[in-house]
PDB file of N, CA and C in Angstrom:
ATOM      1  N   UNK A   1       2.079  -3.222  28.958  1.00  0.00           N
ATOM      2  CA  UNK A   1       3.325  -3.871  28.553  1.00  0.00           C
ATOM      3  C   UNK A   1       3.629  -5.029  29.501  1.00  0.00           C
ATOM      4  N   UNK A   2       4.184  -6.036  28.947  1.00  0.00           N
ATOM      5  CA  UNK A   2       4.487  -7.260  29.688  1.00  0.00           C
ATOM      6  C   UNK A   2       5.915  -7.178  30.237  1.00  0.00           C
ATOM      7  N   UNK A   3       6.104  -7.281  31.567  1.00  0.00           N
ATOM      8  CA  UNK A   3       7.453  -7.176  32.135  1.00  0.00           C
ATOM      9  C   UNK A   3       8.411  -8.278  31.679  1.00  0.00           C
ATOM     10  N   UNK A   4       7.870  -9.399  31.179  1.00  0.00           N
ATOM     11  CA  UNK A   4       8.735 -10.475  30.690  1.00  0.00           C
ATOM     12  C   UNK A   4       9.553 -10.039  29.474  1.00  0.00           C
ATOM     13  N   UNK A   5       8.991  -9.137  28.665  1.00  0.00           N
ATOM     14  CA  UNK A   5       9.680  -8.755  27.430  1.00  0.00           C
ATOM     15  C   UNK A   5      10.949  -7.950  27.718  1.00  0.00           C
ATOM     16  N   UNK A   6      10.894  -6.866  28.503  1.00  0.00           N
ATOM     17  CA  UNK A   6      12.157  -6.172  28.799  1.00  0.00           C
ATOM     18  C   UNK A   6      13.144  -7.046  29.578  1.00  0.00           C
ATOM     19  N   UNK A   7      12.624  -7.907  30.451  1.00  0.00           N
ATOM     20  CA  UNK A   7      13.506  -8.832  31.174  1.00  0.00           C
ATOM     21  C   UNK A   7      14.234  -9.744  30.191  1.00  0.00           C
ATOM     22  N   UNK A   8      13.507 -10.225  29.199  1.00  0.00           N
ATOM     23  CA  UNK A   8      14.108 -11.078  28.180  1.00  0.00           C
ATOM     24  C   UNK A   8      15.158 -10.299  27.379  1.00  0.00           C
ATOM     25  N   UNK A   9      14.822  -9.093  26.965  1.00  0.00           N
ATOM     26  CA  UNK A   9      15.755  -8.290  26.164  1.00  0.00           C
ATOM     27  C   UNK A   9      17.033  -8.001  26.952  1.00  0.00           C
ATOM     28  N   UNK A  10      16.905  -7.797  28.258  1.00  0.00           N
ATOM     29  CA  UNK A  10      18.080  -7.538  29.096  1.00  0.00           C
ATOM     30  C   UNK A  10      19.072  -8.702  29.061  1.00  0.00           C
ATOM     31  N   UNK A  11      18.609  -9.904  28.724  1.00  0.00           N
ATOM     32  CA  UNK A  11      19.504 -11.067  28.688  1.00  0.00           C
ATOM     33  C   UNK A  11      20.286 -11.181  27.376  1.00  0.00           C
ATOM     34  N   UNK A  12      19.956 -10.338  26.397  1.00  0.00           N
ATOM     35  CA  UNK A  12      20.689 -10.365  25.130  1.00  0.00           C
ATOM     36  C   UNK A  12      22.123  -9.926  25.403  1.00  0.00           C
ATOM     37  N   UNK A  13      23.086 -10.719  24.952  1.00  0.00           N
ATOM     38  CA  UNK A  13      24.485 -10.506  25.332  1.00  0.00           C
ATOM     39  C   UNK A  13      25.117  -9.254  24.726  1.00  0.00           C
ATOM     40  N   UNK A  14      24.950  -9.046  23.437  1.00  0.00           N
ATOM     41  CA  UNK A  14      25.605  -7.920  22.768  1.00  0.00           C
ATOM     42  C   UNK A  14      24.867  -6.610  23.066  1.00  0.00           C
ATOM     43  N   UNK A  15      25.572  -5.604  23.599  1.00  0.00           N
ATOM     44  CA  UNK A  15      24.902  -4.334  23.931  1.00  0.00           C
ATOM     45  C   UNK A  15      24.185  -3.686  22.738  1.00  0.00           C
ATOM     46  N   UNK A  16      24.787  -3.740  21.540  1.00  0.00           N
ATOM     47  CA  UNK A  16      24.136  -3.111  20.382  1.00  0.00           C
ATOM     48  C   UNK A  16      22.840  -3.835  20.032  1.00  0.00           C
ATOM     49  N   UNK A  17      22.805  -5.171  20.222  1.00  0.00           N
ATOM     50  CA  UNK A  17      21.591  -5.932  19.941  1.00  0.00           C
ATOM     51  C   UNK A  17      20.510  -5.614  20.978  1.00  0.00           C
ATOM     52  N   UNK A  18      20.923  -5.526  22.227  1.00  0.00           N
ATOM     53  CA  UNK A  18      19.992  -5.205  23.305  1.00  0.00           C
ATOM     54  C   UNK A  18      19.349  -3.842  23.056  1.00  0.00           C
ATOM     55  N   UNK A  19      20.177  -2.862  22.724  1.00  0.00           N
ATOM     56  CA  UNK A  19      19.686  -1.510  22.465  1.00  0.00           C
ATOM     57  C   UNK A  19      18.718  -1.492  21.278  1.00  0.00           C
ATOM     58  N   UNK A  20      19.065  -2.201  20.223  1.00  0.00           N
ATOM     59  CA  UNK A  20      18.213  -2.265  19.039  1.00  0.00           C
ATOM     60  C   UNK A  20      16.892  -2.968  19.358  1.00  0.00           C
ATOM     61  N   UNK A  21      16.933  -4.033  20.131  1.00  0.00           N
ATOM     62  CA  UNK A  21      15.699  -4.728  20.521  1.00  0.00           C
ATOM     63  C   UNK A  21      14.759  -3.795  21.282  1.00  0.00           C
ATOM     64  N   UNK A  22      15.305  -3.011  22.207  1.00  0.00           N
ATOM     65  CA  UNK A  22      14.480  -2.053  22.944  1.00  0.00           C
ATOM     66  C   UNK A  22      13.901  -1.000  22.002  1.00  0.00           C
ATOM     67  N   UNK A  23      14.690  -0.528  21.044  1.00  0.00           N
ATOM     68  CA  UNK A  23      14.199   0.456  20.075  1.00  0.00           C
ATOM     69  C   UNK A  23      13.084  -0.124  19.213  1.00  0.00           C
ATOM     70  N   UNK A  24      13.267  -1.357  18.767  1.00  0.00           N
ATOM     71  CA  UNK A  24      12.238  -2.009  17.953  1.00  0.00           C
ATOM     72  C   UNK A  24      10.959  -2.220  18.758  1.00  0.00           C
ATOM     73  N   UNK A  25      11.112  -2.613  20.012  1.00  0.00           N
ATOM     74  CA  UNK A  25       9.940  -2.796  20.885  1.00  0.00           C
ATOM     75  C   UNK A  25       9.172  -1.487  21.015  1.00  0.00           C
ATOM     76  N   UNK A  26       9.872  -0.413  21.269  1.00  0.00           N
ATOM     77  CA  UNK A  26       9.234   0.886  21.406  1.00  0.00           C
ATOM     78  C   UNK A  26       8.556   1.296  20.095  1.00  0.00           C
ATOM     79  N   UNK A  27       9.200   1.015  18.976  1.00  0.00           N
ATOM     80  CA  UNK A  27       8.630   1.332  17.665  1.00  0.00           C
ATOM     81  C   UNK A  27       7.310   0.589  17.456  1.00  0.00           C
ATOM     82  N   UNK A  28       7.264  -0.682  17.830  1.00  0.00           N
ATOM     83  CA  UNK A  28       6.028  -1.462  17.699  1.00  0.00           C
ATOM     84  C   UNK A  28       4.921  -0.842  18.549  1.00  0.00           C
ATOM     85  N   UNK A  29       5.238  -0.485  19.789  1.00  0.00           N
ATOM     86  CA  UNK A  29       4.220   0.083  20.679  1.00  0.00           C
ATOM     87  C   UNK A  29       3.721   1.433  20.181  1.00  0.00           C
ATOM     88  N   UNK A  30       4.587   2.219  19.559  1.00  0.00           N
ATOM     89  CA  UNK A  30       4.153   3.503  19.010  1.00  0.00           C
ATOM     90  C   UNK A  30       3.312   3.313  17.752  1.00  0.00           C
ATOM     91  N   UNK A  31       3.674   2.340  16.929  1.00  0.00           N
ATOM     92  CA  UNK A  31       2.969   2.111  15.669  1.00  0.00           C
ATOM     93  C   UNK A  31       1.614   1.443  15.893  1.00  0.00           C
ATOM     94  N   UNK A  32       1.546   0.579  16.889  1.00  0.00           N
ATOM     95  CA  UNK A  32       0.325  -0.189  17.157  1.00  0.00           C
ATOM     96  C   UNK A  32       0.004  -0.029  18.651  1.00  0.00           C
ATOM     97  N   UNK A  33      -0.653   1.075  19.018  1.00  0.00           N
ATOM     98  CA  UNK A  33      -0.837   1.395  20.436  1.00  0.00           C
ATOM     99  C   UNK A  33      -1.524   0.316  21.268  1.00  0.00           C
ATOM    100  N   UNK A  34      -2.414  -0.474  20.682  1.00  0.00           N
ATOM    101  CA  UNK A  34      -3.138  -1.485  21.450  1.00  0.00           C
ATOM    102  C   UNK A  34      -2.515  -2.876  21.358  1.00  0.00           C
ATOM    103  N   UNK A  35      -1.244  -2.930  20.971  1.00  0.00           N
ATOM    104  CA  UNK A  35      -0.565  -4.221  20.803  1.00  0.00           C
ATOM    105  C   UNK A  35      -0.319  -4.883  22.163  1.00  0.00           C
ATOM    106  N   UNK A  36      -0.436  -6.209  22.178  1.00  0.00           N
ATOM    107  CA  UNK A  36      -0.063  -6.979  23.363  1.00  0.00           C
ATOM    108  C   UNK A  36       1.272  -7.659  23.049  1.00  0.00           C
ATOM    109  N   UNK A  37       2.045  -7.915  24.095  1.00  0.00           N
ATOM    110  CA  UNK A  37       3.346  -8.551  23.883  1.00  0.00           C
ATOM    111  C   UNK A  37       3.497  -9.736  24.818  1.00  0.00           C
ATOM    112  N   UNK A  38       4.303 -10.705  24.351  1.00  0.00           N
ATOM    113  CA  UNK A  38       4.601 -11.878  25.170  1.00  0.00           C
ATOM    114  C   UNK A  38       5.857 -12.548  24.633  1.00  0.00           C
ATOM    115  N   UNK A  39       6.444 -13.377  25.481  1.00  0.00           N
ATOM    116  CA  UNK A  39       7.567 -14.201  25.042  1.00  0.00           C
ATOM    117  C   UNK A  39       6.972 -15.518  24.547  1.00  0.00           C
ATOM    118  N   UNK A  40       7.268 -15.847  23.306  1.00  0.00           N
ATOM    119  CA  UNK A  40       6.791 -17.091  22.717  1.00  0.00           C
ATOM    120  C   UNK A  40       7.893 -17.616  21.810  1.00  0.00           C
ATOM    121  N   UNK A  41       8.127 -18.911  21.842  1.00  0.00           N
ATOM    122  CA  UNK A  41       9.210 -19.521  21.063  1.00  0.00           C
ATOM    123  C   UNK A  41      10.553 -18.845  21.372  1.00  0.00           C
ATOM    124  N   UNK A  42      10.727 -18.452  22.628  1.00  0.00           N
ATOM    125  CA  UNK A  42      11.972 -17.842  23.121  1.00  0.00           C
ATOM    126  C   UNK A  42      12.326 -16.529  22.429  1.00  0.00           C
ATOM    127  N   UNK A  43      11.301 -15.749  22.076  1.00  0.00           N
ATOM    128  CA  UNK A  43      11.532 -14.412  21.520  1.00  0.00           C
ATOM    129  C   UNK A  43      10.289 -13.548  21.726  1.00  0.00           C
ATOM    130  N   UNK A  44      10.463 -12.227  21.763  1.00  0.00           N
ATOM    131  CA  UNK A  44       9.315 -11.338  21.928  1.00  0.00           C
ATOM    132  C   UNK A  44       8.405 -11.364  20.695  1.00  0.00           C
ATOM    133  N   UNK A  45       7.115 -11.549  20.960  1.00  0.00           N
ATOM    134  CA  UNK A  45       6.086 -11.484  19.925  1.00  0.00           C
ATOM    135  C   UNK A  45       5.093 -10.388  20.303  1.00  0.00           C
ATOM    136  N   UNK A  46       4.558  -9.738  19.298  1.00  0.00           N
ATOM    137  CA  UNK A  46       3.600  -8.657  19.489  1.00  0.00           C
ATOM    138  C   UNK A  46       2.331  -9.022  18.742  1.00  0.00           C
ATOM    139  N   UNK A  47       1.193  -8.907  19.434  1.00  0.00           N
ATOM    140  CA  UNK A  47      -0.079  -9.321  18.852  1.00  0.00           C
ATOM    141  C   UNK A  47      -1.104  -8.198  18.919  1.00  0.00           C
ATOM    142  N   UNK A  48      -1.961  -8.161  17.906  1.00  0.00           N
ATOM    143  CA  UNK A  48      -3.103  -7.257  17.898  1.00  0.00           C
ATOM    144  C   UNK A  48      -4.329  -8.114  17.658  1.00  0.00           C
ATOM    145  N   UNK A  49      -5.301  -7.991  18.546  1.00  0.00           N
ATOM    146  CA  UNK A  49      -6.528  -8.784  18.455  1.00  0.00           C
ATOM    147  C   UNK A  49      -6.215 -10.280  18.369  1.00  0.00           C
ATOM    148  N   UNK A  50      -5.181 -10.716  19.094  1.00  0.00           N
ATOM    149  CA  UNK A  50      -4.821 -12.120  19.129  1.00  0.00           C
ATOM    150  C   UNK A  50      -4.067 -12.626  17.915  1.00  0.00           C
ATOM    151  N   UNK A  51      -3.755 -11.748  16.969  1.00  0.00           N
ATOM    152  CA  UNK A  51      -3.039 -12.153  15.761  1.00  0.00           C
ATOM    153  C   UNK A  51      -1.639 -11.553  15.770  1.00  0.00           C
ATOM    154  N   UNK A  52      -0.683 -12.311  15.261  1.00  0.00           N
ATOM    155  CA  UNK A  52       0.697 -11.837  15.237  1.00  0.00           C
ATOM    156  C   UNK A  52       0.829 -10.561  14.430  1.00  0.00           C
ATOM    157  N   UNK A  53       1.537  -9.583  15.002  1.00  0.00           N
ATOM    158  CA  UNK A  53       1.835  -8.334  14.311  1.00  0.00           C
ATOM    159  C   UNK A  53       3.329  -8.226  14.031  1.00  0.00           C
ATOM    160  N   UNK A  54       4.171  -8.671  14.994  1.00  0.00           N
ATOM    161  CA  UNK A  54       5.622  -8.560  14.824  1.00  0.00           C
ATOM    162  C   UNK A  54       6.329  -9.502  15.794  1.00  0.00           C
ATOM    163  N   UNK A  55       7.607  -9.733  15.497  1.00  0.00           N
ATOM    164  CA  UNK A  55       8.460 -10.533  16.382  1.00  0.00           C
ATOM    165  C   UNK A  55       9.894 -10.027  16.250  1.00  0.00           C
ATOM    166  N   UNK A  56      10.632 -10.157  17.337  1.00  0.00           N
ATOM    167  CA  UNK A  56      12.045  -9.775  17.375  1.00  0.00           C
ATOM    168  C   UNK A  56      12.850 -11.000  17.772  1.00  0.00           C
ATOM    169  N   UNK A  57      13.947 -11.246  17.078  1.00  0.00           N
ATOM    170  CA  UNK A  57      14.841 -12.331  17.482  1.00  0.00           C
ATOM    171  C   UNK A  57      16.282 -11.914  17.226  1.00  0.00           C
ATOM    172  N   UNK A  58      17.187 -12.584  17.910  1.00  0.00           N
ATOM    173  CA  UNK A  58      18.601 -12.283  17.731  1.00  0.00           C
ATOM    174  C   UNK A  58      19.344 -13.543  17.319  1.00  0.00           C
ATOM    175  N   UNK A  59      20.422 -13.330  16.590  1.00  0.00           N
ATOM    176  CA  UNK A  59      21.346 -14.407  16.257  1.00  0.00           C
ATOM    177  C   UNK A  59      22.740 -13.899  16.600  1.00  0.00           C
ATOM    178  N   UNK A  60      23.729 -14.653  16.265  1.00  0.00           N
ATOM    179  CA  UNK A  60      25.101 -14.298  16.627  1.00  0.00           C
ATOM    180  C   UNK A  60      25.486 -12.885  16.176  1.00  0.00           C
ATOM    181  N   UNK A  61      25.091 -12.510  14.953  1.00  0.00           N
ATOM    182  CA  UNK A  61      25.560 -11.231  14.408  1.00  0.00           C
ATOM    183  C   UNK A  61      24.443 -10.337  13.873  1.00  0.00           C
ATOM    184  N   UNK A  62      23.182 -10.611  14.255  1.00  0.00           N
ATOM    185  CA  UNK A  62      22.083  -9.813  13.726  1.00  0.00           C
ATOM    186  C   UNK A  62      20.899  -9.783  14.689  1.00  0.00           C
ATOM    187  N   UNK A  63      20.033  -8.803  14.449  1.00  0.00           N
ATOM    188  CA  UNK A  63      18.720  -8.746  15.075  1.00  0.00           C
ATOM    189  C   UNK A  63      17.726  -8.853  13.932  1.00  0.00           C
ATOM    190  N   UNK A  64      16.813  -9.794  14.034  1.00  0.00           N
ATOM    191  CA  UNK A  64      15.790  -9.957  13.008  1.00  0.00           C
ATOM    192  C   UNK A  64      14.477  -9.376  13.516  1.00  0.00           C
ATOM    193  N   UNK A  65      13.814  -8.646  12.631  1.00  0.00           N
ATOM    194  CA  UNK A  65      12.519  -8.050  12.953  1.00  0.00           C
ATOM    195  C   UNK A  65      11.536  -8.526  11.899  1.00  0.00           C
ATOM    196  N   UNK A  66      10.510  -9.235  12.345  1.00  0.00           N
ATOM    197  CA  UNK A  66       9.516  -9.789  11.438  1.00  0.00           C
ATOM    198  C   UNK A  66       8.210  -9.025  11.580  1.00  0.00           C
ATOM    199  N   UNK A  67       7.665  -8.627  10.450  1.00  0.00           N
ATOM    200  CA  UNK A  67       6.346  -7.993  10.393  1.00  0.00           C
ATOM    201  C   UNK A  67       5.398  -8.999   9.756  1.00  0.00           C
ATOM    202  N   UNK A  68       4.273  -9.245  10.411  1.00  0.00           N
ATOM    203  CA  UNK A  68       3.271 -10.176   9.904  1.00  0.00           C
ATOM    204  C   UNK A  68       2.178  -9.422   9.149  1.00  0.00           C
ATOM    205  N   UNK A  69       1.382 -10.149   8.373  1.00  0.00           N
ATOM    206  CA  UNK A  69       0.251  -9.597   7.632  1.00  0.00           C
ATOM    207  C   UNK A  69       0.733  -8.621   6.547  1.00  0.00           C
ATOM    208  N   UNK A  70       1.768  -9.008   5.835  1.00  0.00           N
ATOM    209  CA  UNK A  70       2.397  -8.111   4.858  1.00  0.00           C
ATOM    210  C   UNK A  70       1.978  -8.365   3.411  1.00  0.00           C
ATOM    211  N   UNK A  71       1.050  -9.269   3.176  1.00  0.00           N
ATOM    212  CA  UNK A  71       0.690  -9.635   1.797  1.00  0.00           C
ATOM    213  C   UNK A  71       0.282  -8.442   0.940  1.00  0.00           C
ATOM    214  N   UNK A  72      -0.378  -7.459   1.541  1.00  0.00           N
ATOM    215  CA  UNK A  72      -0.884  -6.307   0.780  1.00  0.00           C
ATOM    216  C   UNK A  72       0.076  -5.110   0.778  1.00  0.00           C
ATOM    217  N   UNK A  73       1.223  -5.232   1.428  1.00  0.00           N
ATOM    218  CA  UNK A  73       2.146  -4.097   1.538  1.00  0.00           C
ATOM    219  C   UNK A  73       3.118  -4.026   0.364  1.00  0.00           C
ATOM    220  N   UNK A  74       3.510  -2.811   0.042  1.00  0.00           N
ATOM    221  CA  UNK A  74       4.605  -2.595  -0.886  1.00  0.00           C
ATOM    222  C   UNK A  74       5.840  -2.331  -0.026  1.00  0.00           C
ATOM    223  N   UNK A  75       6.802  -3.243  -0.107  1.00  0.00           N
ATOM    224  CA  UNK A  75       7.993  -3.152   0.745  1.00  0.00           C
ATOM    225  C   UNK A  75       9.195  -2.676  -0.052  1.00  0.00           C
ATOM    226  N   UNK A  76      10.130  -2.000   0.615  1.00  0.00           N
ATOM    227  CA  UNK A  76      11.357  -1.568  -0.060  1.00  0.00           C
ATOM    228  C   UNK A  76      12.094  -2.765  -0.665  1.00  0.00           C
ATOM    229  N   UNK A  77      12.563  -2.595  -1.861  1.00  0.00           N
ATOM    230  CA  UNK A  77      13.256  -3.666  -2.586  1.00  0.00           C
ATOM    231  C   UNK A  77      14.534  -4.090  -1.867  1.00  0.00           C
ATOM    232  N   UNK A  78      14.697  -5.400  -1.659  1.00  0.00           N
ATOM    233  CA  UNK A  78      15.947  -5.946  -1.160  1.00  0.00           C
ATOM    234  C   UNK A  78      16.174  -5.884   0.334  1.00  0.00           C
ATOM    235  N   UNK A  79      15.254  -5.308   1.099  1.00  0.00           N
ATOM    236  CA  UNK A  79      15.457  -5.204   2.550  1.00  0.00           C
ATOM    237  C   UNK A  79      14.887  -6.381   3.318  1.00  0.00           C
ATOM    238  N   UNK A  80      13.796  -6.960   2.830  1.00  0.00           N
ATOM    239  CA  UNK A  80      13.058  -7.987   3.555  1.00  0.00           C
ATOM    240  C   UNK A  80      13.105  -9.325   2.831  1.00  0.00           C
ATOM    241  N   UNK A  81      13.053 -10.394   3.618  1.00  0.00           N
ATOM    242  CA  UNK A  81      12.966 -11.759   3.098  1.00  0.00           C
ATOM    243  C   UNK A  81      11.754 -12.431   3.714  1.00  0.00           C
ATOM    244  N   UNK A  82      11.298 -13.494   3.054  1.00  0.00           N
ATOM    245  CA  UNK A  82      10.237 -14.303   3.625  1.00  0.00           C
ATOM    246  C   UNK A  82       9.046 -14.427   2.713  1.00  0.00           C
ATOM    247  N   UNK A  83       8.086 -15.262   3.124  1.00  0.00           N
ATOM    248  CA  UNK A  83       6.879 -15.476   2.327  1.00  0.00           C
ATOM    249  C   UNK A  83       5.995 -14.220   2.332  1.00  0.00           C
ATOM    250  N   UNK A  84       5.034 -14.141   1.415  1.00  0.00           N
ATOM    251  CA  UNK A  84       4.214 -12.931   1.297  1.00  0.00           C
ATOM    252  C   UNK A  84       3.528 -12.494   2.592  1.00  0.00           C
ATOM    253  N   UNK A  85       3.131 -13.457   3.438  1.00  0.00           N
ATOM    254  CA  UNK A  85       2.354 -13.088   4.626  1.00  0.00           C
ATOM    255  C   UNK A  85       3.200 -12.568   5.790  1.00  0.00           C
ATOM    256  N   UNK A  86       4.518 -12.740   5.733  1.00  0.00           N
ATOM    257  CA  UNK A  86       5.391 -12.189   6.788  1.00  0.00           C
ATOM    258  C   UNK A  86       6.768 -11.921   6.193  1.00  0.00           C
ATOM    259  N   UNK A  87       7.304 -10.791   6.554  1.00  0.00           N
ATOM    260  CA  UNK A  87       8.605 -10.392   6.023  1.00  0.00           C
ATOM    261  C   UNK A  87       9.549 -10.070   7.171  1.00  0.00           C
ATOM    262  N   UNK A  88      10.809 -10.445   6.986  1.00  0.00           N
ATOM    263  CA  UNK A  88      11.826 -10.254   8.017  1.00  0.00           C
ATOM    264  C   UNK A  88      12.974  -9.428   7.470  1.00  0.00           C
ATOM    265  N   UNK A  89      13.414  -8.471   8.291  1.00  0.00           N
ATOM    266  CA  UNK A  89      14.613  -7.702   7.971  1.00  0.00           C
ATOM    267  C   UNK A  89      15.678  -8.106   8.986  1.00  0.00           C
ATOM    268  N   UNK A  90      16.887  -8.391   8.488  1.00  0.00           N
ATOM    269  CA  UNK A  90      18.008  -8.734   9.364  1.00  0.00           C
ATOM    270  C   UNK A  90      18.895  -7.501   9.493  1.00  0.00           C
ATOM    271  N   UNK A  91      19.055  -7.056  10.717  1.00  0.00           N
ATOM    272  CA  UNK A  91      19.809  -5.839  11.003  1.00  0.00           C
ATOM    273  C   UNK A  91      21.132  -6.214  11.646  1.00  0.00           C
ATOM    274  N   UNK A  92      22.210  -5.712  11.070  1.00  0.00           N
ATOM    275  CA  UNK A  92      23.559  -6.029  11.558  1.00  0.00           C
ATOM    276  C   UNK A  92      24.147  -4.836  12.311  1.00  0.00           C
ATOM    277  N   UNK A  93      25.205  -5.099  13.044  1.00  0.00           N
ATOM    278  CA  UNK A  93      25.878  -4.053  13.824  1.00  0.00           C
ATOM    279  C   UNK A  93      26.294  -2.905  12.907  1.00  0.00           C
ATOM    280  N   UNK A  94      26.061  -1.693  13.369  1.00  0.00           N
ATOM    281  CA  UNK A  94      26.427  -0.453  12.671  1.00  0.00           C
ATOM    282  C   UNK A  94      25.637  -0.216  11.387  1.00  0.00           C
ATOM    283  N   UNK A  95      24.640  -1.040  11.108  1.00  0.00           N
ATOM    284  CA  UNK A  95      23.770  -0.811   9.953  1.00  0.00           C
ATOM    285  C   UNK A  95      22.732   0.245  10.340  1.00  0.00           C
ATOM    286  N   UNK A  96      22.539   1.256   9.491  1.00  0.00           N
ATOM    287  CA  UNK A  96      21.501   2.235   9.819  1.00  0.00           C
ATOM    288  C   UNK A  96      20.112   1.575   9.796  1.00  0.00           C
ATOM    289  N   UNK A  97      19.280   1.955  10.748  1.00  0.00           N
ATOM    290  CA  UNK A  97      17.930   1.395  10.856  1.00  0.00           C
ATOM    291  C   UNK A  97      16.930   2.540  10.754  1.00  0.00           C
ATOM    292  N   UNK A  98      16.033   2.460   9.792  1.00  0.00           N
ATOM    293  CA  UNK A  98      15.009   3.480   9.604  1.00  0.00           C
ATOM    294  C   UNK A  98      13.776   3.088  10.417  1.00  0.00           C
ATOM    295  N   UNK A  99      13.754   3.505  11.693  1.00  0.00           N
ATOM    296  CA  UNK A  99      12.656   3.143  12.579  1.00  0.00           C
ATOM    297  C   UNK A  99      11.345   3.775  12.124  1.00  0.00           C
ATOM    298  N   UNK A 100      11.397   4.955  11.504  1.00  0.00           N
ATOM    299  CA  UNK A 100      10.179   5.585  10.997  1.00  0.00           C
ATOM    300  C   UNK A 100       9.566   4.738   9.884  1.00  0.00           C
ATOM    301  N   UNK A 101      10.428   4.216   9.013  1.00  0.00           N
ATOM    302  CA  UNK A 101       9.949   3.350   7.939  1.00  0.00           C
ATOM    303  C   UNK A 101       9.331   2.068   8.508  1.00  0.00           C
ATOM    304  N   UNK A 102      10.007   1.463   9.473  1.00  0.00           N
ATOM    305  CA  UNK A 102       9.478   0.249  10.093  1.00  0.00           C
ATOM    306  C   UNK A 102       8.160   0.535  10.809  1.00  0.00           C
ATOM    307  N   UNK A 103       8.058   1.687  11.452  1.00  0.00           N
ATOM    308  CA  UNK A 103       6.826   2.081  12.127  1.00  0.00           C
ATOM    309  C   UNK A 103       5.683   2.217  11.121  1.00  0.00           C
ATOM    310  N   UNK A 104       5.948   2.848  10.007  1.00  0.00           N
ATOM    311  CA  UNK A 104       4.938   3.025   8.979  1.00  0.00           C
ATOM    312  C   UNK A 104       4.468   1.664   8.439  1.00  0.00           C
ATOM    313  N   UNK A 105       5.417   0.772   8.168  1.00  0.00           N
ATOM    314  CA  UNK A 105       5.063  -0.562   7.676  1.00  0.00           C
ATOM    315  C   UNK A 105       4.252  -1.328   8.715  1.00  0.00           C
ATOM    316  N   UNK A 106       4.627  -1.191  10.001  1.00  0.00           N
ATOM    317  CA  UNK A 106       3.886  -1.840  11.083  1.00  0.00           C
ATOM    318  C   UNK A 106       2.448  -1.326  11.139  1.00  0.00           C
ATOM    319  N   UNK A 107       2.281  -0.007  11.039  1.00  0.00           N
ATOM    320  CA  UNK A 107       0.938   0.571  11.075  1.00  0.00           C
ATOM    321  C   UNK A 107       0.088   0.018   9.935  1.00  0.00           C
ATOM    322  N   UNK A 108       0.662  -0.033   8.748  1.00  0.00           N
ATOM    323  CA  UNK A 108      -0.080  -0.538   7.587  1.00  0.00           C
ATOM    324  C   UNK A 108      -0.440  -2.008   7.771  1.00  0.00           C
ATOM    325  N   UNK A 109       0.529  -2.805   8.200  1.00  0.00           N
ATOM    326  CA  UNK A 109       0.295  -4.249   8.338  1.00  0.00           C
ATOM    327  C   UNK A 109      -0.714  -4.552   9.435  1.00  0.00           C
ATOM    328  N   UNK A 110      -0.673  -3.790  10.532  1.00  0.00           N
ATOM    329  CA  UNK A 110      -1.552  -4.067  11.674  1.00  0.00           C
ATOM    330  C   UNK A 110      -2.946  -3.476  11.500  1.00  0.00           C
ATOM    331  N   UNK A 111      -3.117  -2.589  10.549  1.00  0.00           N
ATOM    332  CA  UNK A 111      -4.409  -1.909  10.383  1.00  0.00           C
ATOM    333  C   UNK A 111      -5.551  -2.886  10.156  1.00  0.00           C
ATOM    334  N   UNK A 112      -5.300  -3.982   9.482  1.00  0.00           N
ATOM    335  CA  UNK A 112      -6.379  -4.931   9.170  1.00  0.00           C
ATOM    336  C   UNK A 112      -6.417  -6.128  10.126  1.00  0.00           C
ATOM    337  N   UNK A 113      -5.629  -6.085  11.191  1.00  0.00           N
ATOM    338  CA  UNK A 113      -5.663  -7.186  12.163  1.00  0.00           C
ATOM    339  C   UNK A 113      -6.810  -7.008  13.147  1.00  0.00           C
TER     340      UNK A 113
END
């Protein structure tokens, strides 16, 4: 694990966003055990075999979680936005987050990386 990533997450202002970012990071590491992480474009990125697997970003009122390599996945209706090759879910304060579902989608998407 790269120490820059938790250091970066610690700078997130809203406590609920910070907590969610740490949970998402842990979910990525559990779903893709050999994932590498780095800060790129001012947000945490996760790579497998040098290819993007996921990214986390924050905005004023949401945490966005992007899964890459999603063209072959069947995704839950209405939860994700974006082009076929990468999908993003925007998570808002007090919104329930199904980390098991995200973990499963991450495993499927990263399997062919």
